[in-house]
């Protein structure tokens, strides 16, 4: 085999490997998209689950403003007897419900806590009770 043939063989192999990898990823992506529920179906599913499973039919919650939010959907939920609405999340497949979410933000500058100083601490002076004693002799 000459250098040109070897180079072509390697390039064809790499191209085939790249195409195969791309096809598996596209298939995985499309399969996941197929499993996503519509926003209306998610609203119905969450409402039914919260009403029937969490509150055992005692109250009727109101789920509104269901909207895609990455791989989850964000929505508002109003529970009778409680003031206001709460923002909650559900996976787009409708399998996991997150009653509350926290946005991960970091402040630009960390603020020092009260009573904490950045000065080095000193070791306490040795006391007679902390001095090593002679080892007892074994009999």
Protein backbone atom coordinates (compact mmCIF):
# COMPACT_ATOMS: atom_id res chain seq x y z
CA UNK A 1 0.00 0.00 0.00
CA UNK A 2 1.29 3.42 -0.82
CA UNK A 3 0.82 6.56 1.29
CA UNK A 4 -2.11 7.87 -0.78
CA UNK A 5 -4.09 4.64 -0.44
CA UNK A 6 -3.40 4.47 3.30
CA UNK A 7 -4.46 8.08 3.76
CA UNK A 8 -7.67 7.51 1.79
CA UNK A 9 -8.46 4.40 3.84
CA UNK A 10 -7.98 6.29 7.11
CA UNK A 11 -10.10 9.22 5.88
CA UNK A 12 -12.92 6.92 4.73
CA UNK A 13 -12.81 5.12 8.07
CA UNK A 14 -12.94 8.40 10.02
CA UNK A 15 -15.74 9.73 7.81
CA UNK A 16 -17.75 6.53 8.33
CA UNK A 17 -17.17 6.70 12.08
CA UNK A 18 -18.28 10.35 12.15
CA UNK A 19 -21.42 9.65 10.12
CA UNK A 20 -22.31 6.67 12.30
CA UNK A 21 -21.86 8.71 15.47
CA UNK A 22 -23.96 11.57 14.07
CA UNK A 23 -26.76 9.19 13.07
CA UNK A 24 -26.91 7.63 16.55
CA UNK A 25 -27.04 11.05 18.18
CA UNK A 26 -29.74 12.33 15.82
CA UNK A 27 -31.76 9.19 16.49
CA UNK A 28 -31.41 9.67 20.23
CA UNK A 29 -32.41 13.33 19.96
CA UNK A 30 -35.45 12.60 17.78
CA UNK A 31 -36.55 9.73 20.04
CA UNK A 32 -36.42 12.04 23.07
CA UNK A 33 -38.39 14.74 21.25
CA UNK A 34 -41.09 12.20 20.38
CA UNK A 35 -41.61 11.40 24.05
CA UNK A 36 -42.18 15.04 25.03
CA UNK A 37 -45.80 15.77 25.90
CA UNK A 38 -47.57 18.87 24.64
CA UNK A 39 -48.02 21.71 27.09
CA UNK A 40 -51.78 20.97 27.24
CA UNK A 41 -51.13 17.29 28.01
CA UNK A 42 -48.60 18.24 30.68
CA UNK A 43 -51.09 20.65 32.26
CA UNK A 44 -53.74 17.91 32.39
CA UNK A 45 -51.28 15.34 33.75
CA UNK A 46 -49.94 17.61 36.51
CA UNK A 47 -53.44 18.77 37.49
CA UNK A 48 -54.71 15.19 37.68
CA UNK A 49 -51.69 13.96 39.65
CA UNK A 50 -51.73 16.79 42.19
CA UNK A 51 -55.52 16.62 42.63
CA UNK A 52 -55.86 12.85 42.85
CA UNK A 53 -52.56 11.61 44.26
CA UNK A 54 -51.19 14.42 46.39
CA UNK A 55 -54.45 15.84 47.75
CA UNK A 56 -56.55 12.68 47.30
CA UNK A 57 -59.41 14.61 45.68
CA UNK A 58 -59.89 16.99 48.64
CA UNK A 59 -58.98 20.11 46.64
CA UNK A 60 -58.83 21.17 43.01
CA UNK A 61 -55.64 22.95 42.05
CA UNK A 62 -55.25 25.35 39.16
CA UNK A 63 -52.27 24.80 36.87
CA UNK A 64 -51.52 27.60 34.41
CA UNK A 65 -48.82 29.16 32.24
CA UNK A 66 -47.22 25.82 31.27
CA UNK A 67 -44.23 26.66 29.07
CA UNK A 68 -41.11 24.83 27.84
CA UNK A 69 -38.01 25.51 29.91
CA UNK A 70 -35.21 23.37 28.47
CA UNK A 71 -35.83 19.68 29.21
CA UNK A 72 -38.49 20.62 31.77
CA UNK A 73 -41.64 22.71 31.65
CA UNK A 74 -42.24 25.61 33.99
CA UNK A 75 -45.72 26.36 35.29
CA UNK A 76 -47.74 28.19 37.94
CA UNK A 77 -49.84 26.28 40.42
CA UNK A 78 -52.49 27.71 42.71
CA UNK A 79 -53.67 25.60 45.64
CA UNK A 80 -57.00 26.50 47.29
CA UNK A 81 -56.54 27.67 50.86
CA UNK A 82 -53.01 28.93 50.22
CA UNK A 83 -52.21 32.49 49.24
CA UNK A 84 -50.70 33.15 45.84
CA UNK A 85 -49.29 30.93 43.15
CA UNK A 86 -46.10 28.89 43.12
CA UNK A 87 -43.69 28.27 40.28
CA UNK A 88 -43.06 24.56 39.77
CA UNK A 89 -41.47 22.34 37.14
CA UNK A 90 -42.21 19.01 35.45
CA UNK A 91 -40.08 17.00 33.03
CA UNK A 92 -41.28 17.31 29.46
CA UNK A 93 -42.00 13.57 29.42
CA UNK A 94 -44.33 14.09 32.41
CA UNK A 95 -42.52 11.66 34.73
CA UNK A 96 -41.01 13.89 37.42
CA UNK A 97 -42.62 16.80 39.24
CA UNK A 98 -40.50 19.40 40.99
CA UNK A 99 -42.70 21.44 43.35
CA UNK A 100 -40.03 24.11 43.72
CA UNK A 101 -36.90 25.20 41.94
CA UNK A 102 -33.97 27.39 42.89
CA UNK A 103 -32.15 29.45 40.31
CA UNK A 104 -28.42 28.96 40.69
CA UNK A 105 -26.81 32.37 40.78
CA UNK A 106 -23.51 33.44 42.21
CA UNK A 107 -23.00 36.96 43.45
CA UNK A 108 -20.28 39.01 41.80
CA UNK A 109 -18.39 39.61 45.02
CA UNK A 110 -18.63 37.35 48.04
CA UNK A 111 -19.54 39.27 51.16
CA UNK A 112 -17.69 38.48 54.37
CA UNK A 113 -19.79 37.00 57.14
CA UNK A 114 -20.18 38.91 60.38
CA UNK A 115 -17.49 38.13 62.93
CA UNK A 116 -15.17 36.48 60.42
CA UNK A 117 -11.78 38.03 59.93
CA UNK A 118 -9.15 37.23 57.39
CA UNK A 119 -6.28 37.52 59.86
CA UNK A 120 -4.35 34.35 60.61
CA UNK A 121 -5.08 32.69 63.91
CA UNK A 122 -2.37 31.97 66.44
CA UNK A 123 -1.79 28.63 68.08
CA UNK A 124 -2.70 28.61 71.76
CA UNK A 125 0.23 28.51 74.16
CA UNK A 126 1.06 25.06 75.48
CA UNK A 127 -0.33 24.36 78.93
CA UNK A 128 1.23 21.99 81.44
CA UNK A 129 -1.60 19.49 80.91
CA UNK A 130 -0.95 19.45 77.17
CA UNK A 131 2.78 18.75 77.56
CA UNK A 132 3.79 15.22 76.61
CA UNK A 133 4.53 12.98 79.54
CA UNK A 134 7.22 10.38 79.71
CA UNK A 135 6.19 6.97 78.44
CA UNK A 136 5.49 4.37 81.09
CA UNK A 137 7.95 1.50 81.11
CA UNK A 138 6.60 -1.86 80.06
CA UNK A 139 7.01 -4.66 82.62
